[in-house]
Amino acid sequence: MMKNLGLHETLEAHEILTFKSLCLTKSSTMSKLVQDTELQNILLKDVSTGTQDIQQLQEILTNRGDQ
């Protein structure tokens, strides 16, 4: 990865973070409402992977690409 993120890269990462947060909220909420166990398992898996994705994006934005 490059030393630093450019402004446009930081903004794009922030947009993705916002979108992933919204998806996480929706999946988490819907997983409690659905009655189909297969769909509930899919949503719970999405919550798990979404949480990991958000943590990675937060780390990228916090460090601004410094590595």
C-alpha atoms as a PDB file:
ATOM      1  CA  MET A   1       0.000   0.000   0.000  1.00  0.00           C
ATOM      2  CA  MET A   2       1.159   3.545  -0.596  1.00  0.00           C
ATOM      3  CA  LYS A   3       2.582   5.619   2.245  1.00  0.00           C
ATOM      4  CA  ASN A   4      -0.473   7.872   2.550  1.00  0.00           C
ATOM      5  CA  LEU A   5      -3.985   7.906   1.233  1.00  0.00           C
ATOM      6  CA  GLY A   6      -4.983  10.749  -1.035  1.00  0.00           C
ATOM      7  CA  LEU A   7      -7.953  12.911  -0.188  1.00  0.00           C
ATOM      8  CA  HIS A   8     -10.169  11.208  -2.768  1.00  0.00           C
ATOM      9  CA  GLU A   9      -9.156   7.783  -1.430  1.00  0.00           C
ATOM     10  CA  THR A  10      -9.969   8.833   2.121  1.00  0.00           C
ATOM     11  CA  LEU A  11     -13.377  10.133   1.029  1.00  0.00           C
ATOM     12  CA  GLU A  12     -14.130   6.933  -0.878  1.00  0.00           C
ATOM     13  CA  ALA A  13     -13.119   4.791   2.104  1.00  0.00           C
ATOM     14  CA  HIS A  14     -15.385   6.914   4.305  1.00  0.00           C
ATOM     15  CA  GLU A  15     -18.296   6.438   1.880  1.00  0.00           C
ATOM     16  CA  ILE A  16     -17.747   2.668   1.905  1.00  0.00           C
ATOM     17  CA  LEU A  17     -17.584   2.716   5.713  1.00  0.00           C
ATOM     18  CA  THR A  18     -20.892   4.581   5.874  1.00  0.00           C
ATOM     19  CA  PHE A  19     -22.508   2.123   3.463  1.00  0.00           C
ATOM     20  CA  LYS A  20     -21.156  -0.929   5.327  1.00  0.00           C
ATOM     21  CA  SER A  21     -22.443   0.523   8.627  1.00  0.00           C
ATOM     22  CA  LEU A  22     -25.898   0.910   7.139  1.00  0.00           C
ATOM     23  CA  CYS A  23     -25.805  -2.655   5.792  1.00  0.00           C
ATOM     24  CA  LEU A  24     -24.682  -3.947   9.189  1.00  0.00           C
ATOM     25  CA  THR A  25     -27.543  -2.178  10.926  1.00  0.00           C
ATOM     26  CA  LYS A  26     -30.080  -3.534   8.458  1.00  0.00           C
ATOM     27  CA  SER A  27     -28.770  -7.117   8.593  1.00  0.00           C
ATOM     28  CA  SER A  28     -28.613  -7.068  12.370  1.00  0.00           C
ATOM     29  CA  THR A  29     -32.155  -5.751  12.682  1.00  0.00           C
ATOM     30  CA  MET A  30     -33.627  -8.069  10.066  1.00  0.00           C
ATOM     31  CA  SER A  31     -31.914 -11.161  11.504  1.00  0.00           C
ATOM     32  CA  LYS A  32     -34.015 -10.700  14.635  1.00  0.00           C
ATOM     33  CA  LEU A  33     -37.235 -10.344  12.652  1.00  0.00           C
ATOM     34  CA  VAL A  34     -37.025 -13.164  10.093  1.00  0.00           C
ATOM     35  CA  GLN A  35     -38.476 -16.554  10.863  1.00  0.00           C
ATOM     36  CA  ASP A  36     -36.693 -18.600   8.192  1.00  0.00           C
ATOM     37  CA  THR A  37     -33.583 -20.115   9.818  1.00  0.00           C
ATOM     38  CA  GLU A  38     -31.618 -20.266   6.572  1.00  0.00           C
ATOM     39  CA  LEU A  39     -32.191 -16.581   5.915  1.00  0.00           C
ATOM     40  CA  GLN A  40     -31.393 -15.777   9.532  1.00  0.00           C
ATOM     41  CA  ASN A  41     -28.080 -17.641   9.229  1.00  0.00           C
ATOM     42  CA  ILE A  42     -27.228 -15.708   6.059  1.00  0.00           C
ATOM     43  CA  LEU A  43     -27.965 -12.419   7.806  1.00  0.00           C
ATOM     44  CA  LEU A  44     -25.918 -13.386  10.869  1.00  0.00           C
ATOM     45  CA  LYS A  45     -22.994 -14.314   8.631  1.00  0.00           C
ATOM     46  CA  ASP A  46     -23.355 -10.934   6.917  1.00  0.00           C
ATOM     47  CA  VAL A  47     -23.268  -9.242  10.335  1.00  0.00           C
ATOM     48  CA  SER A  48     -20.063 -11.074  11.176  1.00  0.00           C
ATOM     49  CA  THR A  49     -18.271 -10.247   7.927  1.00  0.00           C
ATOM     50  CA  GLY A  50     -19.643  -6.702   7.941  1.00  0.00           C
ATOM     51  CA  THR A  51     -18.210  -6.127  11.401  1.00  0.00           C
ATOM     52  CA  GLN A  52     -14.790  -7.297  10.235  1.00  0.00           C
ATOM     53  CA  ASP A  53     -14.990  -5.084   7.141  1.00  0.00           C
ATOM     54  CA  ILE A  54     -15.901  -2.055   9.237  1.00  0.00           C
ATOM     55  CA  GLN A  55     -12.994  -2.680  11.609  1.00  0.00           C
ATOM     56  CA  GLN A  56     -10.587  -2.864   8.662  1.00  0.00           C
ATOM     57  CA  LEU A  57     -11.953   0.330   7.128  1.00  0.00           C
ATOM     58  CA  GLN A  58     -11.728   2.139  10.460  1.00  0.00           C
ATOM     59  CA  GLU A  59      -8.142   1.024  10.799  1.00  0.00           C
ATOM     60  CA  ILE A  60      -7.341   2.282   7.310  1.00  0.00           C
ATOM     61  CA  LEU A  61      -8.975   5.638   7.984  1.00  0.00           C
ATOM     62  CA  THR A  62      -7.364   5.980  11.403  1.00  0.00           C
ATOM     63  CA  ASN A  63      -3.905   5.295  10.022  1.00  0.00           C
ATOM     64  CA  ARG A  64      -4.665   7.132   6.741  1.00  0.00           C
ATOM     65  CA  GLY A  65      -2.694   4.468   4.949  1.00  0.00           C
ATOM     66  CA  ASP A  66       0.490   4.881   6.997  1.00  0.00           C
ATOM     67  CA  GLN A  67       2.334   1.572   7.064  1.00  0.00           C
END
